[in-house]
Protein backbone atom coordinates (compact mmCIF):
# COMPACT_ATOMS: atom_id res chain seq x y z
CA MET A 1 -111.56 -52.26 -135.17
CA ALA A 2 -112.12 -55.93 -135.85
CA ASN A 3 -108.33 -56.48 -135.91
CA PHE A 4 -107.90 -54.71 -132.63
CA ARG A 5 -110.64 -56.75 -130.98
CA SER A 6 -109.18 -59.98 -132.39
CA TRP A 7 -105.77 -59.16 -130.98
CA THR A 8 -107.36 -58.30 -127.65
CA GLN A 9 -109.17 -61.66 -127.52
CA ILE A 10 -105.90 -63.47 -128.41
CA LEU A 11 -104.08 -61.60 -125.70
CA VAL A 12 -106.83 -62.41 -123.15
CA SER A 13 -106.76 -66.15 -124.17
CA PHE A 14 -102.98 -66.11 -123.74
CA PHE A 15 -103.30 -64.67 -120.22
CA SER A 16 -105.98 -67.25 -119.39
CA LEU A 17 -103.77 -70.15 -120.48
CA CYS A 18 -100.88 -68.69 -118.42
CA PHE A 19 -102.94 -68.39 -115.33
CA LEU A 20 -104.35 -71.92 -115.77
CA ASN A 21 -100.74 -73.19 -116.04
CA LEU A 22 -99.92 -71.22 -112.94
CA VAL A 23 -102.71 -72.88 -111.02
CA LEU A 24 -101.67 -76.38 -112.09
CA ASN A 25 -98.02 -75.78 -111.33
CA PHE A 26 -99.01 -74.34 -107.99
CA LYS A 27 -100.99 -77.36 -107.01
CA VAL A 28 -98.22 -79.72 -108.04
CA ALA A 29 -95.62 -77.73 -106.08
CA ALA A 30 -97.92 -77.56 -103.05
CA SER A 31 -98.53 -81.32 -103.15
CA ALA A 32 -94.77 -82.01 -103.58
CA GLY A 33 -94.02 -79.72 -100.69
CA ASP A 34 -96.54 -81.31 -98.41
CA ASN A 35 -95.45 -84.80 -99.20
CA GLY A 36 -91.81 -83.79 -98.76
CA GLY A 37 -92.39 -82.86 -95.13
CA VAL A 38 -94.20 -86.00 -94.14
CA GLY A 39 -92.04 -88.64 -92.46
CA SER A 40 -88.88 -86.51 -92.53
CA ALA A 41 -88.25 -87.52 -88.98
CA THR A 42 -88.43 -91.13 -87.94
CA GLU A 43 -88.63 -92.78 -84.54
CA SER A 44 -85.27 -94.42 -84.99
CA ASN A 45 -83.65 -91.02 -84.66
CA CYS A 46 -84.88 -90.52 -81.08
CA LYS A 47 -82.84 -91.33 -78.01
CA ASN A 48 -83.78 -94.25 -75.80
CA ILE A 49 -84.81 -92.57 -72.51
CA ASN A 50 -86.02 -94.32 -69.37
CA TYR A 51 -88.50 -91.85 -67.81
CA GLN A 52 -89.13 -94.04 -64.71
CA SER A 53 -85.99 -92.68 -63.07
CA PHE A 54 -86.95 -88.99 -62.99
CA LEU A 55 -90.59 -88.35 -64.13
CA PRO A 56 -93.50 -88.87 -61.82
CA PRO A 57 -96.55 -91.07 -62.71
CA PRO A 58 -98.36 -91.30 -64.99
CA TYR A 59 -95.60 -90.15 -67.38
CA GLN A 60 -93.08 -92.84 -66.21
CA ASN A 61 -95.59 -95.69 -66.86
CA ILE A 62 -96.78 -94.73 -70.38
CA SER A 63 -95.58 -97.06 -73.10
CA HIS A 64 -95.73 -97.16 -76.87
CA MET A 65 -95.20 -93.42 -77.23
CA ILE A 66 -94.50 -92.09 -80.67
CA CYS A 67 -91.30 -90.05 -80.86
CA ARG A 68 -90.31 -87.58 -83.51
CA PRO A 69 -87.31 -85.26 -83.69
CA VAL A 70 -88.81 -81.79 -84.35
CA TRP A 71 -86.15 -79.14 -84.17
CA ASN A 72 -82.35 -79.29 -83.68
CA THR A 73 -82.04 -81.90 -80.93
CA TYR A 74 -85.61 -81.41 -79.63
CA GLU A 75 -87.69 -84.52 -79.43
CA LEU A 76 -91.40 -84.77 -79.12
CA ARG A 77 -93.05 -87.86 -77.67
CA PHE A 78 -96.80 -88.34 -77.53
CA THR A 79 -99.60 -90.82 -77.30
CA GLN A 80 -103.40 -90.58 -77.55
CA ASN A 81 -106.00 -92.98 -76.01
CA ASP A 82 -109.67 -93.57 -76.67
CA LEU A 83 -110.67 -90.97 -74.09
CA GLN A 84 -109.14 -88.19 -76.24
CA THR A 85 -106.31 -87.75 -73.68
CA THR A 86 -103.02 -86.80 -75.33
CA THR A 87 -99.82 -87.20 -73.30
CA ILE A 88 -96.90 -85.07 -74.52
CA ILE A 89 -93.27 -85.11 -73.40
CA LEU A 90 -90.85 -82.57 -74.92
CA SER A 91 -87.13 -83.33 -74.45
CA ALA A 92 -84.56 -80.60 -75.15
CA PRO A 93 -80.99 -79.76 -74.34
CA TYR A 94 -80.72 -77.73 -71.16
CA ALA A 95 -78.15 -75.90 -69.00
CA ILE A 96 -79.94 -72.92 -67.68
CA GLY A 97 -82.97 -70.78 -68.58
CA TRP A 98 -86.33 -72.06 -69.78
CA VAL A 99 -87.78 -74.29 -72.50
CA GLY A 100 -91.29 -73.96 -73.89
CA ILE A 101 -93.79 -75.43 -76.36
CA GLY A 102 -96.65 -73.35 -77.57
CA PHE A 103 -99.95 -74.11 -79.28
CA SER A 104 -101.07 -71.55 -81.85
CA LYS A 105 -104.12 -71.10 -84.04
CA ASP A 106 -102.12 -69.62 -86.92
CA GLY A 107 -98.52 -70.50 -86.27
CA MET A 108 -97.82 -67.06 -84.80
CA MET A 109 -96.60 -66.32 -81.31
CA VAL A 110 -99.20 -63.58 -80.46
CA GLY A 111 -102.45 -65.12 -79.29
CA SER A 112 -100.91 -68.53 -78.54
CA SER A 113 -100.62 -70.50 -75.28
CA ALA A 114 -97.48 -72.21 -74.08
CA MET A 115 -96.28 -74.74 -71.52
CA VAL A 116 -92.88 -73.58 -70.19
CA GLY A 117 -90.52 -75.43 -67.83
CA TRP A 118 -87.33 -74.51 -66.01
CA ILE A 119 -85.13 -75.31 -63.05
CA THR A 120 -84.79 -72.51 -60.42
CA GLN A 121 -81.46 -71.48 -58.88
CA HIS A 122 -82.22 -73.67 -55.91
CA GLY A 123 -82.80 -76.69 -58.10
CA HIS A 124 -86.58 -76.68 -57.96
CA ALA A 125 -88.50 -77.76 -61.06
CA LYS A 126 -91.15 -75.34 -62.33
CA VAL A 127 -93.67 -75.68 -65.10
CA LYS A 128 -96.45 -73.19 -65.96
CA GLN A 129 -98.85 -72.25 -68.69
CA PHE A 130 -98.43 -68.81 -70.21
CA TYR A 131 -100.70 -66.77 -72.46
CA LEU A 132 -98.80 -64.82 -75.10
CA ARG A 133 -101.00 -61.73 -75.49
CA GLY A 134 -98.31 -59.70 -77.23
CA ARG A 135 -94.60 -59.52 -78.03
CA LYS A 136 -93.52 -57.64 -74.87
CA SER A 137 -92.44 -59.53 -71.76
CA SER A 138 -95.17 -57.74 -69.83
CA GLU A 139 -97.77 -59.22 -72.19
CA VAL A 140 -96.68 -62.82 -71.44
CA ILE A 141 -99.17 -63.71 -68.65
CA ALA A 142 -98.47 -66.63 -66.30
CA ASP A 143 -101.23 -69.13 -65.28
CA LYS A 144 -103.34 -68.07 -68.23
CA GLY A 145 -103.94 -69.67 -71.59
CA GLU A 146 -106.04 -72.01 -73.74
CA VAL A 147 -104.08 -75.23 -73.55
CA PRO A 148 -106.76 -77.82 -72.57
CA LEU A 149 -104.92 -79.41 -69.65
CA ASN A 150 -106.59 -82.13 -67.67
CA ASN A 151 -106.38 -82.72 -63.94
CA VAL A 152 -103.07 -84.54 -64.06
CA PRO A 153 -100.33 -82.10 -62.97
CA ALA A 154 -97.74 -81.22 -65.55
CA ALA A 155 -94.16 -82.17 -64.71
CA VAL A 156 -90.60 -81.11 -65.56
CA ALA A 157 -87.32 -82.81 -64.75
CA THR A 158 -83.73 -82.92 -65.92
CA ASP A 159 -81.68 -85.95 -66.84
CA GLY A 160 -78.09 -85.09 -67.48
CA ALA A 161 -77.89 -82.24 -70.04
CA GLN A 162 -81.54 -82.56 -71.05
CA ILE A 163 -84.84 -81.16 -69.71
CA HIS A 164 -88.12 -83.03 -70.09
CA LEU A 165 -91.49 -81.20 -70.07
CA ALA A 166 -94.51 -83.49 -69.62
CA PHE A 167 -98.20 -82.68 -69.60
CA GLN A 168 -101.54 -84.09 -70.67
CA LEU A 169 -104.25 -82.52 -72.90
CA GLN A 170 -107.97 -83.36 -72.70
CA THR A 171 -109.80 -82.59 -75.93
CA THR A 172 -113.30 -83.33 -77.22
CA THR A 173 -111.95 -84.72 -80.47
CA PRO A 174 -108.65 -86.46 -81.28
CA LEU A 175 -105.83 -83.98 -81.63
CA GLY A 176 -104.83 -83.71 -85.23
CA SER A 177 -102.79 -81.22 -87.30
CA GLN A 178 -101.68 -78.44 -84.90
CA PRO A 179 -99.28 -75.50 -85.35
CA ILE A 180 -96.82 -75.58 -82.54
CA LEU A 181 -94.07 -73.19 -81.38
CA LEU A 182 -90.76 -74.20 -79.85
CA ALA A 183 -88.48 -71.72 -78.07
CA PHE A 184 -85.94 -71.43 -75.29
CA GLY A 185 -84.45 -68.60 -73.17
CA ALA A 186 -81.08 -68.27 -71.47
CA LYS A 187 -82.25 -66.69 -68.22
CA ILE A 188 -84.15 -68.29 -65.35
CA PRO A 189 -87.60 -66.70 -65.05
CA GLN A 190 -87.88 -64.33 -62.10
CA ASN A 191 -91.31 -63.96 -60.48
CA HIS A 192 -92.75 -66.01 -63.36
CA HIS A 193 -91.65 -63.37 -65.94
CA LEU A 194 -90.05 -64.90 -68.98
CA SER A 195 -87.03 -63.38 -70.59
CA LYS A 196 -86.88 -62.94 -74.36
CA HIS A 197 -86.24 -66.13 -76.24
CA VAL A 198 -82.86 -66.85 -77.65
CA ASP A 199 -84.22 -68.85 -80.60
CA LYS A 200 -87.59 -70.09 -81.78
CA THR A 201 -89.29 -71.98 -84.55
CA SER A 202 -92.80 -72.88 -85.73
CA LEU A 203 -94.07 -76.01 -87.36
CA VAL A 204 -97.22 -77.94 -88.03
CA PHE A 205 -97.31 -81.29 -86.30
CA ASP A 206 -99.88 -83.95 -86.99
CA PHE A 207 -100.60 -85.71 -83.73
CA SER A 208 -102.82 -88.26 -85.52
CA SER A 209 -99.97 -89.67 -87.60
CA GLY A 210 -96.87 -88.35 -85.96
CA SER A 211 -95.72 -86.54 -89.06
CA GLN A 212 -94.57 -82.93 -89.23
CA GLY A 213 -94.26 -80.25 -91.85
CA SER A 214 -91.04 -78.29 -91.33
CA VAL A 215 -92.55 -74.86 -91.75
CA SER A 216 -90.33 -72.27 -90.01
CA ILE A 217 -91.92 -69.18 -88.57
CA ASN A 218 -89.89 -67.04 -90.96
CA ASN A 219 -91.35 -68.92 -93.96
CA LEU A 220 -94.91 -68.61 -92.61
CA ILE A 221 -94.39 -64.86 -92.01
CA GLN A 222 -92.96 -64.40 -95.50
CA MET A 223 -95.76 -66.30 -97.07
CA ARG A 224 -98.33 -64.27 -95.18
CA LYS A 225 -96.65 -61.08 -96.25
CA SER A 226 -96.67 -62.26 -99.91
CA HIS A 227 -100.36 -63.04 -99.57
CA GLY A 228 -101.06 -59.52 -98.33
CA ILE A 229 -98.82 -57.66 -100.76
CA VAL A 230 -100.16 -59.54 -103.83
CA GLY A 231 -103.71 -59.00 -102.66
CA ILE A 232 -103.27 -55.26 -102.14
CA ILE A 233 -101.48 -54.86 -105.50
CA GLY A 234 -104.19 -56.81 -107.40
CA TRP A 235 -107.47 -55.98 -105.62
CA GLY A 236 -106.37 -52.80 -104.02
CA LEU A 237 -104.58 -51.09 -106.93
CA ILE A 238 -104.69 -52.64 -110.35
CA LEU A 239 -108.39 -53.56 -110.43
CA PRO A 240 -109.58 -50.17 -109.16
CA VAL A 241 -107.38 -48.40 -111.79
CA GLY A 242 -108.89 -50.54 -114.52
CA ALA A 243 -112.40 -49.65 -113.30
CA ILE A 244 -111.55 -45.88 -113.23
CA ILE A 245 -110.35 -46.08 -116.81
CA ALA A 246 -113.57 -47.76 -117.96
CA ARG A 247 -115.80 -45.18 -116.29
CA TYR A 248 -114.01 -41.90 -116.92
CA PHE A 249 -112.01 -42.34 -120.11
CA ARG A 250 -114.59 -43.64 -122.56
CA HIS A 251 -114.04 -40.57 -124.74
CA LYS A 252 -110.58 -42.16 -125.57
CA ASP A 253 -112.26 -44.84 -127.67
CA PRO A 254 -111.03 -47.50 -128.45
CA LEU A 255 -107.90 -47.01 -126.25
CA TRP A 256 -109.91 -47.15 -123.00
CA PHE A 257 -111.32 -50.51 -123.89
CA TYR A 258 -107.99 -52.22 -124.55
CA LEU A 259 -106.45 -50.65 -121.45
CA HIS A 260 -109.41 -51.68 -119.30
CA SER A 261 -109.32 -55.27 -120.64
CA VAL A 262 -105.59 -55.85 -120.17
CA ILE A 263 -105.38 -54.11 -116.76
CA GLN A 264 -108.37 -56.10 -115.46
CA PHE A 265 -106.90 -59.40 -116.67
CA VAL A 266 -103.57 -58.56 -114.95
CA GLY A 267 -105.40 -57.62 -111.79
CA PHE A 268 -107.37 -60.89 -111.99
CA GLY A 269 -104.13 -62.73 -112.16
CA PHE A 270 -102.92 -61.05 -108.99
CA GLY A 271 -106.20 -61.77 -107.29
CA LEU A 272 -105.98 -65.46 -108.28
CA ALA A 273 -102.41 -65.65 -106.98
CA THR A 274 -103.67 -64.10 -103.66
CA VAL A 275 -106.25 -66.85 -103.27
CA LEU A 276 -103.74 -69.53 -104.08
CA LEU A 277 -101.34 -68.14 -101.50
CA GLY A 278 -104.20 -68.05 -99.04
CA LEU A 279 -105.06 -71.65 -99.65
CA GLN A 280 -101.45 -72.63 -99.18
CA LEU A 281 -101.35 -70.76 -95.93
CA TYR A 282 -104.52 -72.50 -94.77
CA SER A 283 -103.06 -75.96 -95.62
CA LYS A 284 -99.91 -75.33 -93.69
CA MET A 285 -101.31 -73.43 -90.71
CA GLN A 286 -104.91 -74.73 -90.47
CA VAL A 287 -105.93 -71.24 -89.29
CA HIS A 288 -109.66 -70.58 -89.30
CA ILE A 289 -110.64 -67.06 -90.30
CA PRO A 290 -114.08 -67.76 -91.84
CA ALA A 291 -115.01 -64.14 -92.67
CA HIS A 292 -111.75 -63.37 -94.47
CA ARG A 293 -111.74 -66.71 -96.25
CA GLY A 294 -115.36 -66.60 -97.24
CA ILE A 295 -115.19 -63.07 -98.59
CA GLY A 296 -111.99 -63.84 -100.46
CA ILE A 297 -113.72 -66.74 -102.25
CA PHE A 298 -116.75 -64.60 -102.95
CA VAL A 299 -114.67 -61.82 -104.54
CA LEU A 300 -112.86 -64.42 -106.64
CA VAL A 301 -116.22 -65.79 -107.87
CA LEU A 302 -117.32 -62.24 -108.80
CA SER A 303 -113.96 -61.79 -110.61
CA ILE A 304 -114.53 -64.96 -112.62
CA LEU A 305 -118.00 -63.80 -113.55
CA GLN A 306 -116.43 -60.57 -114.83
CA ILE A 307 -114.04 -62.60 -116.95
CA LEU A 308 -116.92 -64.56 -118.38
CA ALA A 309 -118.79 -61.29 -119.04
CA PHE A 310 -115.94 -60.18 -121.33
CA PHE A 311 -116.39 -63.24 -123.59
CA LEU A 312 -120.19 -63.04 -123.48
CA ARG A 313 -120.40 -59.26 -124.25
CA PRO A 314 -123.29 -58.62 -126.69
CA ASN A 315 -123.03 -56.18 -129.57
CA LYS A 316 -123.86 -52.52 -128.99
CA ASP A 317 -127.06 -52.75 -130.97
CA SER A 318 -128.26 -55.81 -129.07
CA LYS A 319 -131.26 -55.51 -126.76
CA LEU A 320 -129.35 -57.35 -124.09
CA ARG A 321 -126.52 -54.80 -124.03
CA MET A 322 -128.27 -52.52 -121.50
CA TYR A 323 -128.66 -55.45 -119.02
CA TRP A 324 -125.09 -56.54 -119.65
CA ASN A 325 -123.83 -53.05 -118.86
CA TRP A 326 -125.82 -53.01 -115.64
CA TYR A 327 -124.52 -56.45 -114.66
CA HIS A 328 -120.89 -55.73 -115.54
CA GLY A 329 -120.83 -52.40 -113.83
CA TRP A 330 -122.56 -53.30 -110.54
CA PHE A 331 -120.87 -56.70 -110.13
CA GLY A 332 -117.52 -54.93 -110.64
CA ARG A 333 -118.43 -52.36 -107.97
CA LEU A 334 -119.49 -55.07 -105.58
CA ALA A 335 -116.24 -56.99 -106.15
CA LEU A 336 -114.09 -53.92 -105.47
CA PHE A 337 -116.04 -53.03 -102.32
CA PHE A 338 -115.74 -56.51 -100.79
CA ALA A 339 -112.09 -56.77 -101.95
CA ALA A 340 -111.29 -53.58 -100.00
CA LEU A 341 -113.25 -54.84 -96.93
CA ASN A 342 -111.41 -58.16 -97.06
CA ILE A 343 -107.99 -56.45 -97.18
CA VAL A 344 -108.90 -54.69 -93.96
CA LEU A 345 -110.13 -57.88 -92.36
CA GLY A 346 -106.96 -59.70 -93.46
CA MET A 347 -104.80 -57.07 -91.82
CA GLN A 348 -106.77 -57.32 -88.63
CA ALA A 349 -106.61 -61.07 -88.59
CA ALA A 350 -102.85 -61.05 -89.12
CA GLY A 351 -102.23 -58.33 -86.54
CA ALA A 352 -100.59 -56.15 -89.17
CA GLY A 353 -98.47 -53.29 -87.97
CA SER A 354 -99.08 -49.61 -88.47
CA ASP A 355 -96.97 -49.52 -91.57
CA TRP A 356 -99.40 -51.87 -93.37
CA ARG A 357 -102.44 -49.93 -92.15
CA ILE A 358 -100.98 -46.55 -93.09
CA GLY A 359 -99.80 -47.83 -96.48
CA TYR A 360 -103.10 -49.25 -97.53
CA GLY A 361 -104.95 -46.36 -96.03
CA PHE A 362 -102.91 -43.95 -98.12
CA LEU A 363 -103.46 -46.03 -101.27
CA LEU A 364 -107.21 -46.27 -100.62
CA SER A 365 -107.42 -42.53 -99.95
CA ILE A 366 -105.69 -41.72 -103.24
CA ILE A 367 -108.14 -43.94 -105.17
CA ILE A 368 -111.20 -42.48 -103.37
CA VAL A 369 -109.98 -38.88 -103.98
CA ALA A 370 -109.26 -39.66 -107.65
CA VAL A 371 -112.81 -41.09 -108.05
CA ILE A 372 -114.33 -38.01 -106.42
CA VAL A 373 -112.36 -35.67 -108.62
CA PHE A 374 -113.19 -37.64 -111.88
CA GLU A 375 -116.85 -37.81 -110.81
CA VAL A 376 -117.01 -34.07 -110.18
CA LEU A 377 -115.35 -33.28 -113.57
CA ALA A 378 -117.73 -35.71 -115.32
CA TYR A 379 -120.75 -34.00 -113.68
CA LEU A 380 -119.54 -30.54 -114.63
CA LYS A 381 -119.04 -31.73 -118.24
CA ARG A 382 -122.55 -33.20 -118.38
CA ARG A 383 -124.06 -30.05 -116.98
CA GLU A 384 -122.13 -27.97 -119.50
CA ARG A 385 -123.52 -30.07 -122.31
CA ARG A 386 -127.04 -29.58 -121.11
CA SER A 387 -126.63 -25.83 -120.85
CA LEU A 388 -125.43 -25.43 -124.46
CA PRO A 389 -127.95 -24.60 -127.28
CA PRO A 390 -128.92 -27.56 -129.52
CA SER A 391 -126.87 -26.08 -132.38
CA ILE A 392 -123.70 -26.06 -130.30
CA GLN A 393 -122.36 -29.40 -129.06
CA LEU A 394 -119.20 -30.62 -127.40
CA ASP A 395 -116.85 -33.04 -129.00
CA PRO A 396 -115.60 -35.89 -126.88
CA ASN A 397 -112.70 -33.66 -125.64
CA GLY A 398 -115.11 -31.05 -124.28
CA VAL A 399 -114.35 -28.47 -127.08
CA SER A 400 -117.26 -26.46 -128.48
CA SER A 401 -118.00 -27.21 -132.15
CA PHE A 402 -120.09 -24.82 -134.28
CA PRO A 403 -122.23 -25.59 -137.35
CA SER A 404 -120.19 -25.23 -140.50
CA ASN A 405 -122.85 -23.11 -142.17
CA LEU A 406 -122.42 -20.20 -139.75
CA ALA A 407 -120.97 -17.12 -141.32
CA LYS A 408 -117.55 -16.12 -140.22
CA GLY A 409 -117.45 -12.56 -138.99
């Protein structure tokens, strides 16, 4: 038994070192990735454009604008004053159709607001704000949105093969790091209905420094999917299975203990990776989901406390063992409950499709049904033990054992 426990502690220590190494490497990679995106576009790469010939005031009179190439041949110019007014001019190649820049809370299209400009068939310049309530064309609503425009009218104009979309934002605080969307369509909007985009991208642009992180929307979506998948596997599958083994398979001593320890440490690793991916998403997208983020950190703290409980486990004959059992069991239940709740909150915040909801619902249903079945079986076994005479007892496998001094007949 001592050898088994020693090997278990060695294995646990090995896993701990591996996860510590994972955290350190993750932070180094994240820092390198963030630094790599800063300053990737310089002002010298922008074209020299004289806006006085085609844009109305005040856009033609603004000087000292910062310019950054942001996507393909798209250029973003901006300036901020002491009154928290931000002037933005987006320049893009144009032949026909529409060009838009959106402002998002999480880097995703749904729920964002966009400024869209185009030239009609009769040569009239049009610019409008749209609210992207959903992915369908009917859910893109004109003259709605949350872009904080001021009283200065937005403007759009063409200059050769380029279109220039200009507008001003009025904010209460200086505009800083902001997820923005860029897209264009090949059809002229009819009755202010936008056609589906031909291409799109998403990036995080820092209006305070003029730097950008080149985070494509596909990378953000993939990172968000990884965050969800790893979280469901760790907190939604592995850790509940380890808890089931500890509660209903104690008659398989000492196998249940080693299985429970290893499974929970693996589950903790998945949970830790989930939090790290979530922090990486937050740093790139600056999305504020306080409930999901707070519960995730709370569950991680409970998980760490469970890891510490493993190393501080008193002996079976210790007076503290009863309190330790209470603490370990109920803190574990609390962590699993809030983990399941947080998975649901995360799917709601991300606007997960029906496949995610059905998949996790199916997994959660299997776990709940398994717990109910094991609990009923354990209750029946306890009732059977109580109903037997004192001279007849059940062995751990539930088989009746008789006193050896009974005569065989």
